[in-house]
């Protein structure tokens, strides 16, 4: 049971390298995806190469009369939906580094996003506003790369790491729907997990801060962002688990730059539930997880609901 719990849970950490759709900041979004961490968030799997695919659904709105800066404009009364595919590869090196194991990660978002606004207002840099507008796109976002260092002592696991948003995705200035962010960004994080293979209890928490560079197309710089995610899960059997999950988000500094006409600062919280199922395809162990989040206490960002459907598996294990 110990080997199954730790082995399957470890593959779930590949989600650390996925970009966001529903934070505060420019366009109501940030590249760090809230909810991407969860059960076994700080468990480092054995040396090898792993693959994970997250299918991410989001729908939400900012409410009538509320404004969001997007595409160099101010959009009023925004609502939107998205379906994003987030394939991720993680490579855990066999070498011992500072008593732990080093992992390298890469992710590339591909998907669909639809946004509508009751009104768009010309931003501080000029440009045209207008009446109600709808924008729909299917495209490729910015790749995200990074790494982490993980340790273990008995049932206690902990990690530190970083990820970098590389602004080479398909970004369209002036459009209110974009998956790419068109600016450099870095997220630093630290996490801990208590995973007891005897009782099946998993308690995980991850906190981090996201730093954003300026978007050169809009002269807009999103402020620094704090996030905390948690999970409390019970492994009923080596194959099945269920529990509660949630996150808290708070923008530490206001947005700035010539394209910002006021310092937007966002805040949000959520609570949700998750179930996980471990199985085999031939001799390959596969981990599947479903996560649902409902947001509340939201300010200066879209408030809505998010669902993750995650499939992860090892591609090769280093003996």
C-alpha atoms as a PDB file:
ATOM      1  CA  UNK A   1       0.000   0.000   0.000  1.00  0.00           C
ATOM      2  CA  UNK A   2       2.873   2.401   0.835  1.00  0.00           C
ATOM      3  CA  UNK A   3       4.464   1.946  -2.596  1.00  0.00           C
ATOM      4  CA  UNK A   4       1.140   2.425  -4.399  1.00  0.00           C
ATOM      5  CA  UNK A   5       0.161   5.552  -2.461  1.00  0.00           C
ATOM      6  CA  UNK A   6       3.495   7.334  -2.876  1.00  0.00           C
ATOM      7  CA  UNK A   7       4.100   6.174  -6.433  1.00  0.00           C
ATOM      8  CA  UNK A   8       0.704   7.187  -7.751  1.00  0.00           C
ATOM      9  CA  UNK A   9       0.540  10.399  -5.739  1.00  0.00           C
ATOM     10  CA  UNK A  10       3.965  11.451  -6.958  1.00  0.00           C
ATOM     11  CA  UNK A  11       2.920  11.563 -10.588  1.00  0.00           C
ATOM     12  CA  UNK A  12       0.284  14.169  -9.748  1.00  0.00           C
ATOM     13  CA  UNK A  13       2.867  16.942  -9.220  1.00  0.00           C
ATOM     14  CA  UNK A  14       3.350  17.461 -12.943  1.00  0.00           C
ATOM     15  CA  UNK A  15       0.525  19.993 -12.770  1.00  0.00           C
ATOM     16  CA  UNK A  16       2.861  22.541 -11.173  1.00  0.00           C
ATOM     17  CA  UNK A  17       3.810  23.857 -14.587  1.00  0.00           C
ATOM     18  CA  UNK A  18       0.500  24.895 -16.010  1.00  0.00           C
ATOM     19  CA  UNK A  19      -0.646  28.440 -16.777  1.00  0.00           C
ATOM     20  CA  UNK A  20      -3.706  30.168 -15.343  1.00  0.00           C
ATOM     21  CA  UNK A  21      -6.983  31.362 -16.716  1.00  0.00           C
ATOM     22  CA  UNK A  22      -8.886  32.867 -13.806  1.00  0.00           C
ATOM     23  CA  UNK A  23      -6.686  34.987 -11.525  1.00  0.00           C
ATOM     24  CA  UNK A  24      -6.817  38.763 -11.049  1.00  0.00           C
ATOM     25  CA  UNK A  25      -4.440  41.062 -12.998  1.00  0.00           C
ATOM     26  CA  UNK A  26      -4.465  42.086 -16.671  1.00  0.00           C
ATOM     27  CA  UNK A  27      -7.385  40.421 -18.429  1.00  0.00           C
ATOM     28  CA  UNK A  28      -8.431  38.957 -15.073  1.00  0.00           C
ATOM     29  CA  UNK A  29      -5.787  36.259 -15.495  1.00  0.00           C
ATOM     30  CA  UNK A  30      -2.297  35.237 -14.433  1.00  0.00           C
ATOM     31  CA  UNK A  31      -0.010  32.500 -15.710  1.00  0.00           C
ATOM     32  CA  UNK A  32      -0.039  30.530 -12.438  1.00  0.00           C
ATOM     33  CA  UNK A  33      -3.084  28.253 -12.461  1.00  0.00           C
ATOM     34  CA  UNK A  34      -4.948  28.311  -9.163  1.00  0.00           C
ATOM     35  CA  UNK A  35      -5.952  24.787  -8.194  1.00  0.00           C
ATOM     36  CA  UNK A  36      -3.123  23.121 -10.076  1.00  0.00           C
ATOM     37  CA  UNK A  37      -1.703  21.808  -6.795  1.00  0.00           C
ATOM     38  CA  UNK A  38      -3.650  19.357  -4.676  1.00  0.00           C
ATOM     39  CA  UNK A  39      -3.207  16.007  -2.920  1.00  0.00           C
ATOM     40  CA  UNK A  40       0.435  14.860  -2.620  1.00  0.00           C
ATOM     41  CA  UNK A  41       1.519  18.291  -3.868  1.00  0.00           C
ATOM     42  CA  UNK A  42       5.002  18.021  -2.304  1.00  0.00           C
ATOM     43  CA  UNK A  43       5.643  14.324  -2.992  1.00  0.00           C
ATOM     44  CA  UNK A  44       8.566  13.863  -5.398  1.00  0.00           C
ATOM     45  CA  UNK A  45       8.238  10.690  -7.494  1.00  0.00           C
ATOM     46  CA  UNK A  46      11.137   8.295  -8.121  1.00  0.00           C
ATOM     47  CA  UNK A  47      13.723   9.251 -10.762  1.00  0.00           C
ATOM     48  CA  UNK A  48      12.274   8.963 -14.251  1.00  0.00           C
ATOM     49  CA  UNK A  49      10.164  10.725 -16.867  1.00  0.00           C
ATOM     50  CA  UNK A  50       6.442  11.367 -16.303  1.00  0.00           C
ATOM     51  CA  UNK A  51       3.575  12.721 -18.396  1.00  0.00           C
ATOM     52  CA  UNK A  52       0.462  14.462 -17.182  1.00  0.00           C
ATOM     53  CA  UNK A  53      -2.471  15.960 -19.060  1.00  0.00           C
ATOM     54  CA  UNK A  54      -4.885  18.373 -17.400  1.00  0.00           C
ATOM     55  CA  UNK A  55      -8.162  19.191 -19.100  1.00  0.00           C
ATOM     56  CA  UNK A  56      -9.247  22.448 -17.476  1.00  0.00           C
ATOM     57  CA  UNK A  57     -12.762  23.950 -17.622  1.00  0.00           C
ATOM     58  CA  UNK A  58     -13.663  27.409 -16.308  1.00  0.00           C
ATOM     59  CA  UNK A  59     -16.723  29.620 -16.484  1.00  0.00           C
ATOM     60  CA  UNK A  60     -17.313  32.888 -14.643  1.00  0.00           C
ATOM     61  CA  UNK A  61     -18.036  36.621 -14.745  1.00  0.00           C
ATOM     62  CA  UNK A  62     -17.054  39.883 -13.037  1.00  0.00           C
ATOM     63  CA  UNK A  63     -20.607  41.172 -12.568  1.00  0.00           C
ATOM     64  CA  UNK A  64     -22.537  44.005 -14.164  1.00  0.00           C
ATOM     65  CA  UNK A  65     -20.668  47.304 -14.187  1.00  0.00           C
ATOM     66  CA  UNK A  66     -17.351  45.841 -13.005  1.00  0.00           C
ATOM     67  CA  UNK A  67     -14.248  46.583 -15.092  1.00  0.00           C
ATOM     68  CA  UNK A  68     -11.207  44.563 -16.115  1.00  0.00           C
ATOM     69  CA  UNK A  69      -8.141  45.792 -18.055  1.00  0.00           C
ATOM     70  CA  UNK A  70      -7.656  43.620 -21.143  1.00  0.00           C
ATOM     71  CA  UNK A  71      -6.021  44.016 -24.543  1.00  0.00           C
ATOM     72  CA  UNK A  72      -5.155  47.668 -23.843  1.00  0.00           C
ATOM     73  CA  UNK A  73      -8.818  48.489 -23.056  1.00  0.00           C
ATOM     74  CA  UNK A  74     -11.157  48.447 -20.082  1.00  0.00           C
ATOM     75  CA  UNK A  75     -13.865  45.816 -20.492  1.00  0.00           C
ATOM     76  CA  UNK A  76     -17.101  46.297 -18.518  1.00  0.00           C
ATOM     77  CA  UNK A  77     -19.484  43.498 -17.515  1.00  0.00           C
ATOM     78  CA  UNK A  78     -17.176  40.649 -18.562  1.00  0.00           C
ATOM     79  CA  UNK A  79     -18.060  36.975 -18.611  1.00  0.00           C
ATOM     80  CA  UNK A  80     -16.214  34.091 -20.157  1.00  0.00           C
ATOM     81  CA  UNK A  81     -15.591  30.375 -20.522  1.00  0.00           C
ATOM     82  CA  UNK A  82     -12.565  28.292 -21.398  1.00  0.00           C
ATOM     83  CA  UNK A  83     -11.492  24.736 -22.102  1.00  0.00           C
ATOM     84  CA  UNK A  84      -7.719  24.363 -21.970  1.00  0.00           C
ATOM     85  CA  UNK A  85      -5.563  21.292 -22.616  1.00  0.00           C
ATOM     86  CA  UNK A  86      -2.401  21.345 -20.491  1.00  0.00           C
ATOM     87  CA  UNK A  87       0.111  18.611 -21.395  1.00  0.00           C
ATOM     88  CA  UNK A  88       3.095  18.514 -19.025  1.00  0.00           C
ATOM     89  CA  UNK A  89       6.340  16.533 -18.975  1.00  0.00           C
ATOM     90  CA  UNK A  90       8.394  16.126 -15.806  1.00  0.00           C
ATOM     91  CA  UNK A  91      11.887  14.655 -15.532  1.00  0.00           C
ATOM     92  CA  UNK A  92      13.187  13.655 -12.083  1.00  0.00           C
ATOM     93  CA  UNK A  93      16.963  13.237 -12.128  1.00  0.00           C
ATOM     94  CA  UNK A  94      18.585  10.261 -10.356  1.00  0.00           C
ATOM     95  CA  UNK A  95      21.397  12.313  -8.790  1.00  0.00           C
ATOM     96  CA  UNK A  96      21.237  13.321  -5.114  1.00  0.00           C
ATOM     97  CA  UNK A  97      21.278  17.127  -4.809  1.00  0.00           C
ATOM     98  CA  UNK A  98      21.452  18.696  -1.335  1.00  0.00           C
ATOM     99  CA  UNK A  99      19.941  15.515   0.035  1.00  0.00           C
ATOM    100  CA  UNK A 100      16.944  15.685  -2.314  1.00  0.00           C
ATOM    101  CA  UNK A 101      15.897  15.037  -5.899  1.00  0.00           C
ATOM    102  CA  UNK A 102      15.776  17.597  -8.695  1.00  0.00           C
ATOM    103  CA  UNK A 103      12.875  17.710 -11.161  1.00  0.00           C
ATOM    104  CA  UNK A 104      12.598  19.663 -14.423  1.00  0.00           C
ATOM    105  CA  UNK A 105       9.226  20.461 -15.997  1.00  0.00           C
ATOM    106  CA  UNK A 106       7.689  21.860 -19.194  1.00  0.00           C
ATOM    107  CA  UNK A 107       4.102  22.568 -20.215  1.00  0.00           C
ATOM    108  CA  UNK A 108       2.339  23.996 -23.287  1.00  0.00           C
ATOM    109  CA  UNK A 109      -1.320  25.104 -23.092  1.00  0.00           C
ATOM    110  CA  UNK A 110      -3.599  24.623 -26.076  1.00  0.00           C
ATOM    111  CA  UNK A 111      -7.266  25.457 -26.013  1.00  0.00           C
ATOM    112  CA  UNK A 112     -10.396  27.502 -26.482  1.00  0.00           C
ATOM    113  CA  UNK A 113     -11.514  30.665 -24.720  1.00  0.00           C
ATOM    114  CA  UNK A 114     -14.611  32.821 -25.196  1.00  0.00           C
ATOM    115  CA  UNK A 115     -15.044  36.252 -23.597  1.00  0.00           C
ATOM    116  CA  UNK A 116     -17.837  38.769 -23.908  1.00  0.00           C
ATOM    117  CA  UNK A 117     -18.203  42.298 -22.491  1.00  0.00           C
ATOM    118  CA  UNK A 118     -21.166  44.660 -22.235  1.00  0.00           C
ATOM    119  CA  UNK A 119     -18.898  47.581 -23.126  1.00  0.00           C
ATOM    120  CA  UNK A 120     -15.234  48.306 -23.904  1.00  0.00           C
ATOM    121  CA  UNK A 121     -13.677  51.649 -22.999  1.00  0.00           C
ATOM    122  CA  UNK A 122     -10.494  53.064 -24.552  1.00  0.00           C
ATOM    123  CA  UNK A 123      -7.552  52.481 -22.222  1.00  0.00           C
ATOM    124  CA  UNK A 124      -4.956  55.007 -21.017  1.00  0.00           C
ATOM    125  CA  UNK A 125      -2.873  54.511 -24.180  1.00  0.00           C
ATOM    126  CA  UNK A 126      -5.780  55.319 -26.469  1.00  0.00           C
ATOM    127  CA  UNK A 127      -7.419  52.975 -28.929  1.00  0.00           C
ATOM    128  CA  UNK A 128     -11.092  52.575 -29.619  1.00  0.00           C
ATOM    129  CA  UNK A 129     -13.783  51.423 -27.264  1.00  0.00           C
ATOM    130  CA  UNK A 130     -17.233  50.293 -28.255  1.00  0.00           C
ATOM    131  CA  UNK A 131     -20.509  48.633 -27.442  1.00  0.00           C
ATOM    132  CA  UNK A 132     -20.898  44.990 -26.475  1.00  0.00           C
ATOM    133  CA  UNK A 133     -18.217  42.737 -27.915  1.00  0.00           C
ATOM    134  CA  UNK A 134     -17.559  39.006 -28.061  1.00  0.00           C
ATOM    135  CA  UNK A 135     -14.213  37.385 -28.754  1.00  0.00           C
ATOM    136  CA  UNK A 136     -13.589  33.667 -29.255  1.00  0.00           C
ATOM    137  CA  UNK A 137     -10.240  31.982 -29.897  1.00  0.00           C
ATOM    138  CA  UNK A 138      -8.693  28.530 -30.238  1.00  0.00           C
ATOM    139  CA  UNK A 139      -4.918  28.788 -30.058  1.00  0.00           C
ATOM    140  CA  UNK A 140      -1.605  28.045 -28.313  1.00  0.00           C
ATOM    141  CA  UNK A 141      -0.530  29.804 -25.121  1.00  0.00           C
ATOM    142  CA  UNK A 142       2.876  30.557 -23.646  1.00  0.00           C
ATOM    143  CA  UNK A 143       5.058  27.584 -22.674  1.00  0.00           C
ATOM    144  CA  UNK A 144       6.001  27.345 -19.002  1.00  0.00           C
ATOM    145  CA  UNK A 145       9.252  25.740 -17.831  1.00  0.00           C
ATOM    146  CA  UNK A 146      10.745  25.266 -14.407  1.00  0.00           C
ATOM    147  CA  UNK A 147      12.154  23.009 -11.756  1.00  0.00           C
ATOM    148  CA  UNK A 148      11.848  21.909  -8.145  1.00  0.00           C
ATOM    149  CA  UNK A 149      13.881  20.218  -5.427  1.00  0.00           C
ATOM    150  CA  UNK A 150      12.138  17.696  -3.198  1.00  0.00           C
ATOM    151  CA  UNK A 151      12.964  15.881   0.047  1.00  0.00           C
ATOM    152  CA  UNK A 152      11.399  13.188   2.232  1.00  0.00           C
ATOM    153  CA  UNK A 153      11.702  12.167   5.888  1.00  0.00           C
ATOM    154  CA  UNK A 154       9.342   9.356   6.836  1.00  0.00           C
ATOM    155  CA  UNK A 155       5.778  10.455   6.062  1.00  0.00           C
ATOM    156  CA  UNK A 156       6.808  14.099   5.630  1.00  0.00           C
ATOM    157  CA  UNK A 157       7.587  15.426   2.129  1.00  0.00           C
ATOM    158  CA  UNK A 158       8.565  18.968   1.161  1.00  0.00           C
ATOM    159  CA  UNK A 159       9.524  20.873  -1.993  1.00  0.00           C
ATOM    160  CA  UNK A 160      10.746  24.243  -3.209  1.00  0.00           C
ATOM    161  CA  UNK A 161      10.696  25.308  -6.836  1.00  0.00           C
ATOM    162  CA  UNK A 162      10.134  27.883  -9.525  1.00  0.00           C
ATOM    163  CA  UNK A 163       8.475  28.175 -12.924  1.00  0.00           C
ATOM    164  CA  UNK A 164       8.934  30.642 -15.769  1.00  0.00           C
ATOM    165  CA  UNK A 165       6.351  31.873 -18.297  1.00  0.00           C
ATOM    166  CA  UNK A 166       8.028  32.241 -21.723  1.00  0.00           C
ATOM    167  CA  UNK A 167       6.118  34.848 -23.831  1.00  0.00           C
ATOM    168  CA  UNK A 168       6.191  33.223 -27.264  1.00  0.00           C
ATOM    169  CA  UNK A 169       2.573  32.050 -27.524  1.00  0.00           C
ATOM    170  CA  UNK A 170      -0.130  33.402 -29.824  1.00  0.00           C
ATOM    171  CA  UNK A 171      -1.091  36.788 -28.357  1.00  0.00           C
ATOM    172  CA  UNK A 172      -3.385  39.213 -30.179  1.00  0.00           C
ATOM    173  CA  UNK A 173      -3.249  42.855 -29.043  1.00  0.00           C
ATOM    174  CA  UNK A 174      -6.664  44.492 -28.798  1.00  0.00           C
ATOM    175  CA  UNK A 175      -8.557  41.216 -28.396  1.00  0.00           C
ATOM    176  CA  UNK A 176     -10.309  40.469 -25.114  1.00  0.00           C
ATOM    177  CA  UNK A 177      -9.689  36.696 -25.365  1.00  0.00           C
ATOM    178  CA  UNK A 178      -6.079  35.542 -25.114  1.00  0.00           C
ATOM    179  CA  UNK A 179      -4.516  32.381 -23.736  1.00  0.00           C
ATOM    180  CA  UNK A 180      -0.963  33.730 -24.034  1.00  0.00           C
ATOM    181  CA  UNK A 181       0.148  36.544 -21.691  1.00  0.00           C
ATOM    182  CA  UNK A 182       2.846  38.264 -23.798  1.00  0.00           C
ATOM    183  CA  UNK A 183       5.112  38.942 -20.832  1.00  0.00           C
ATOM    184  CA  UNK A 184       7.762  37.175 -18.786  1.00  0.00           C
ATOM    185  CA  UNK A 185       6.719  35.894 -15.386  1.00  0.00           C
ATOM    186  CA  UNK A 186       8.207  33.828 -12.574  1.00  0.00           C
ATOM    187  CA  UNK A 187       6.552  31.917  -9.749  1.00  0.00           C
ATOM    188  CA  UNK A 188       8.425  30.671  -6.665  1.00  0.00           C
ATOM    189  CA  UNK A 189       6.756  28.180  -4.361  1.00  0.00           C
ATOM    190  CA  UNK A 190       7.225  25.929  -1.335  1.00  0.00           C
ATOM    191  CA  UNK A 191       5.048  22.994  -0.368  1.00  0.00           C
ATOM    192  CA  UNK A 192       4.664  20.273   2.251  1.00  0.00           C
ATOM    193  CA  UNK A 193       2.749  16.990   2.382  1.00  0.00           C
ATOM    194  CA  UNK A 194       2.048  14.593   5.249  1.00  0.00           C
ATOM    195  CA  UNK A 195       1.228  11.243   3.633  1.00  0.00           C
ATOM    196  CA  UNK A 196       0.575   8.356   6.024  1.00  0.00           C
ATOM    197  CA  UNK A 197       0.420   5.060   4.112  1.00  0.00           C
ATOM    198  CA  UNK A 198      -1.015   3.243   7.130  1.00  0.00           C
ATOM    199  CA  UNK A 199      -4.063   5.463   7.645  1.00  0.00           C
ATOM    200  CA  UNK A 200      -4.255   6.758   4.048  1.00  0.00           C
ATOM    201  CA  UNK A 201      -4.317  10.382   5.229  1.00  0.00           C
ATOM    202  CA  UNK A 202      -2.877  13.058   2.911  1.00  0.00           C
ATOM    203  CA  UNK A 203      -2.559  16.666   4.153  1.00  0.00           C
ATOM    204  CA  UNK A 204      -0.930  19.040   1.645  1.00  0.00           C
ATOM    205  CA  UNK A 205      -0.296  22.781   1.405  1.00  0.00           C
ATOM    206  CA  UNK A 206       1.592  24.954  -1.077  1.00  0.00           C
ATOM    207  CA  UNK A 207       2.273  28.688  -0.966  1.00  0.00           C
ATOM    208  CA  UNK A 208       3.917  30.830  -3.612  1.00  0.00           C
ATOM    209  CA  UNK A 209       4.418  34.279  -5.085  1.00  0.00           C
ATOM    210  CA  UNK A 210       4.168  35.207  -8.774  1.00  0.00           C
ATOM    211  CA  UNK A 211       6.263  38.070 -10.211  1.00  0.00           C
ATOM    212  CA  UNK A 212       5.231  39.630 -13.528  1.00  0.00           C
ATOM    213  CA  UNK A 213       7.100  41.699 -16.110  1.00  0.00           C
ATOM    214  CA  UNK A 214       5.399  44.314 -18.286  1.00  0.00           C
ATOM    215  CA  UNK A 215       3.364  43.373 -21.338  1.00  0.00           C
ATOM    216  CA  UNK A 216       5.105  45.391 -24.114  1.00  0.00           C
ATOM    217  CA  UNK A 217       1.983  45.367 -26.311  1.00  0.00           C
ATOM    218  CA  UNK A 218      -0.156  47.158 -23.707  1.00  0.00           C
ATOM    219  CA  UNK A 219       2.481  48.767 -21.421  1.00  0.00           C
ATOM    220  CA  UNK A 220       0.680  47.034 -18.550  1.00  0.00           C
ATOM    221  CA  UNK A 221       2.418  45.331 -15.634  1.00  0.00           C
ATOM    222  CA  UNK A 222       0.462  43.023 -13.362  1.00  0.00           C
ATOM    223  CA  UNK A 223       1.333  43.314  -9.672  1.00  0.00           C
ATOM    224  CA  UNK A 224       2.910  40.545  -7.610  1.00  0.00           C
ATOM    225  CA  UNK A 225       0.497  37.753  -6.642  1.00  0.00           C
ATOM    226  CA  UNK A 226       0.304  35.478  -3.578  1.00  0.00           C
ATOM    227  CA  UNK A 227      -1.377  32.064  -3.661  1.00  0.00           C
ATOM    228  CA  UNK A 228      -1.991  29.303  -1.127  1.00  0.00           C
ATOM    229  CA  UNK A 229      -3.504  25.909  -1.976  1.00  0.00           C
ATOM    230  CA  UNK A 230      -4.470  23.069   0.345  1.00  0.00           C
ATOM    231  CA  UNK A 231      -5.858  19.528   0.254  1.00  0.00           C
ATOM    232  CA  UNK A 232      -7.130  17.074   2.876  1.00  0.00           C
ATOM    233  CA  UNK A 233      -7.682  13.636   1.360  1.00  0.00           C
ATOM    234  CA  UNK A 234      -8.367  10.138   2.637  1.00  0.00           C
ATOM    235  CA  UNK A 235      -7.105   7.120   0.663  1.00  0.00           C
ATOM    236  CA  UNK A 236      -9.911   4.617   1.158  1.00  0.00           C
ATOM    237  CA  UNK A 237      -7.987   1.959  -0.762  1.00  0.00           C
ATOM    238  CA  UNK A 238      -4.711   2.059  -2.736  1.00  0.00           C
ATOM    239  CA  UNK A 239      -6.911   2.626  -5.807  1.00  0.00           C
ATOM    240  CA  UNK A 240      -9.361   5.278  -4.564  1.00  0.00           C
ATOM    241  CA  UNK A 241      -9.259   8.522  -2.546  1.00  0.00           C
ATOM    242  CA  UNK A 242     -11.563  11.470  -1.841  1.00  0.00           C
ATOM    243  CA  UNK A 243     -11.410  14.719   0.084  1.00  0.00           C
ATOM    244  CA  UNK A 244     -11.600  18.511   0.244  1.00  0.00           C
ATOM    245  CA  UNK A 245      -9.463  21.083  -1.585  1.00  0.00           C
ATOM    246  CA  UNK A 246      -9.257  24.858  -1.852  1.00  0.00           C
ATOM    247  CA  UNK A 247      -7.135  27.934  -2.486  1.00  0.00           C
ATOM    248  CA  UNK A 248      -6.678  31.546  -1.453  1.00  0.00           C
ATOM    249  CA  UNK A 249      -5.342  34.273  -3.772  1.00  0.00           C
ATOM    250  CA  UNK A 250      -4.336  37.848  -2.959  1.00  0.00           C
ATOM    251  CA  UNK A 251      -2.580  40.365  -5.190  1.00  0.00           C
ATOM    252  CA  UNK A 252       0.231  41.868  -3.113  1.00  0.00           C
ATOM    253  CA  UNK A 253       0.904  44.968  -5.228  1.00  0.00           C
ATOM    254  CA  UNK A 254      -1.225  46.956  -7.646  1.00  0.00           C
ATOM    255  CA  UNK A 255      -0.897  46.868 -11.410  1.00  0.00           C
ATOM    256  CA  UNK A 256       1.325  49.532 -12.971  1.00  0.00           C
ATOM    257  CA  UNK A 257       2.767  50.829 -16.243  1.00  0.00           C
ATOM    258  CA  UNK A 258       1.604  53.403 -18.778  1.00  0.00           C
ATOM    259  CA  UNK A 259      -1.268  51.119 -19.738  1.00  0.00           C
ATOM    260  CA  UNK A 260      -2.700  50.977 -16.212  1.00  0.00           C
ATOM    261  CA  UNK A 261      -5.114  53.760 -15.301  1.00  0.00           C
ATOM    262  CA  UNK A 262      -5.590  52.539 -11.730  1.00  0.00           C
ATOM    263  CA  UNK A 263      -3.923  49.914  -9.513  1.00  0.00           C
ATOM    264  CA  UNK A 264      -6.149  46.867  -9.853  1.00  0.00           C
ATOM    265  CA  UNK A 265      -5.585  44.403  -6.990  1.00  0.00           C
ATOM    266  CA  UNK A 266      -7.422  41.093  -6.965  1.00  0.00           C
ATOM    267  CA  UNK A 267      -8.470  38.645  -4.281  1.00  0.00           C
ATOM    268  CA  UNK A 268     -10.298  35.312  -4.289  1.00  0.00           C
ATOM    269  CA  UNK A 269     -10.924  32.178  -2.286  1.00  0.00           C
ATOM    270  CA  UNK A 270     -12.379  28.812  -3.198  1.00  0.00           C
ATOM    271  CA  UNK A 271     -13.404  25.492  -1.759  1.00  0.00           C
ATOM    272  CA  UNK A 272     -14.066  22.248  -3.561  1.00  0.00           C
ATOM    273  CA  UNK A 273     -13.828  18.487  -3.639  1.00  0.00           C
ATOM    274  CA  UNK A 274     -11.661  15.888  -5.331  1.00  0.00           C
ATOM    275  CA  UNK A 275     -11.666  12.176  -6.064  1.00  0.00           C
ATOM    276  CA  UNK A 276      -8.749  10.113  -7.348  1.00  0.00           C
ATOM    277  CA  UNK A 277      -8.514   6.692  -8.945  1.00  0.00           C
ATOM    278  CA  UNK A 278      -5.362   4.642  -9.599  1.00  0.00           C
ATOM    279  CA  UNK A 279      -5.372   1.824 -12.136  1.00  0.00           C
ATOM    280  CA  UNK A 280      -3.170   0.075 -14.676  1.00  0.00           C
ATOM    281  CA  UNK A 281      -3.139   0.014 -18.458  1.00  0.00           C
ATOM    282  CA  UNK A 282      -1.198  -3.147 -19.157  1.00  0.00           C
ATOM    283  CA  UNK A 283       1.798  -2.809 -16.837  1.00  0.00           C
ATOM    284  CA  UNK A 284       1.704   1.015 -16.762  1.00  0.00           C
ATOM    285  CA  UNK A 285       0.276   2.624 -13.601  1.00  0.00           C
ATOM    286  CA  UNK A 286      -2.118   5.482 -14.352  1.00  0.00           C
ATOM    287  CA  UNK A 287      -3.508   8.089 -11.957  1.00  0.00           C
ATOM    288  CA  UNK A 288      -6.787   9.897 -12.688  1.00  0.00           C
ATOM    289  CA  UNK A 289      -8.114  12.810 -10.634  1.00  0.00           C
ATOM    290  CA  UNK A 290     -11.202  15.009 -10.789  1.00  0.00           C
ATOM    291  CA  UNK A 291     -11.155  18.378  -8.953  1.00  0.00           C
ATOM    292  CA  UNK A 292     -13.946  20.930  -8.607  1.00  0.00           C
ATOM    293  CA  UNK A 293     -13.555  24.474  -7.199  1.00  0.00           C
ATOM    294  CA  UNK A 294     -16.221  27.063  -6.378  1.00  0.00           C
ATOM    295  CA  UNK A 295     -14.948  30.615  -5.866  1.00  0.00           C
ATOM    296  CA  UNK A 296     -16.185  33.226  -3.358  1.00  0.00           C
ATOM    297  CA  UNK A 297     -15.026  36.531  -1.811  1.00  0.00           C
ATOM    298  CA  UNK A 298     -13.750  37.590  -5.236  1.00  0.00           C
ATOM    299  CA  UNK A 299     -12.527  41.090  -6.088  1.00  0.00           C
ATOM    300  CA  UNK A 300     -11.244  42.480  -9.433  1.00  0.00           C
ATOM    301  CA  UNK A 301     -11.340  39.178 -11.267  1.00  0.00           C
ATOM    302  CA  UNK A 302     -13.828  36.752 -12.766  1.00  0.00           C
ATOM    303  CA  UNK A 303     -15.735  34.765 -10.141  1.00  0.00           C
ATOM    304  CA  UNK A 304     -16.748  31.301 -11.212  1.00  0.00           C
ATOM    305  CA  UNK A 305     -16.272  27.550 -11.094  1.00  0.00           C
ATOM    306  CA  UNK A 306     -13.356  25.442 -12.291  1.00  0.00           C
ATOM    307  CA  UNK A 307     -12.990  21.729 -13.005  1.00  0.00           C
ATOM    308  CA  UNK A 308      -9.782  19.755 -13.602  1.00  0.00           C
ATOM    309  CA  UNK A 309      -9.691  16.291 -15.159  1.00  0.00           C
ATOM    310  CA  UNK A 310      -6.147  14.982 -14.767  1.00  0.00           C
ATOM    311  CA  UNK A 311      -4.479  11.867 -16.164  1.00  0.00           C
ATOM    312  CA  UNK A 312      -0.843  11.145 -15.233  1.00  0.00           C
ATOM    313  CA  UNK A 313       1.530   8.253 -15.789  1.00  0.00           C
ATOM    314  CA  UNK A 314       5.244   7.391 -15.853  1.00  0.00           C
ATOM    315  CA  UNK A 315       6.900   7.156 -19.267  1.00  0.00           C
ATOM    316  CA  UNK A 316      10.037   5.565 -17.835  1.00  0.00           C
ATOM    317  CA  UNK A 317      11.368   4.857 -14.340  1.00  0.00           C
ATOM    318  CA  UNK A 318      15.102   5.000 -13.634  1.00  0.00           C
ATOM    319  CA  UNK A 319      16.209   1.840 -11.838  1.00  0.00           C
END
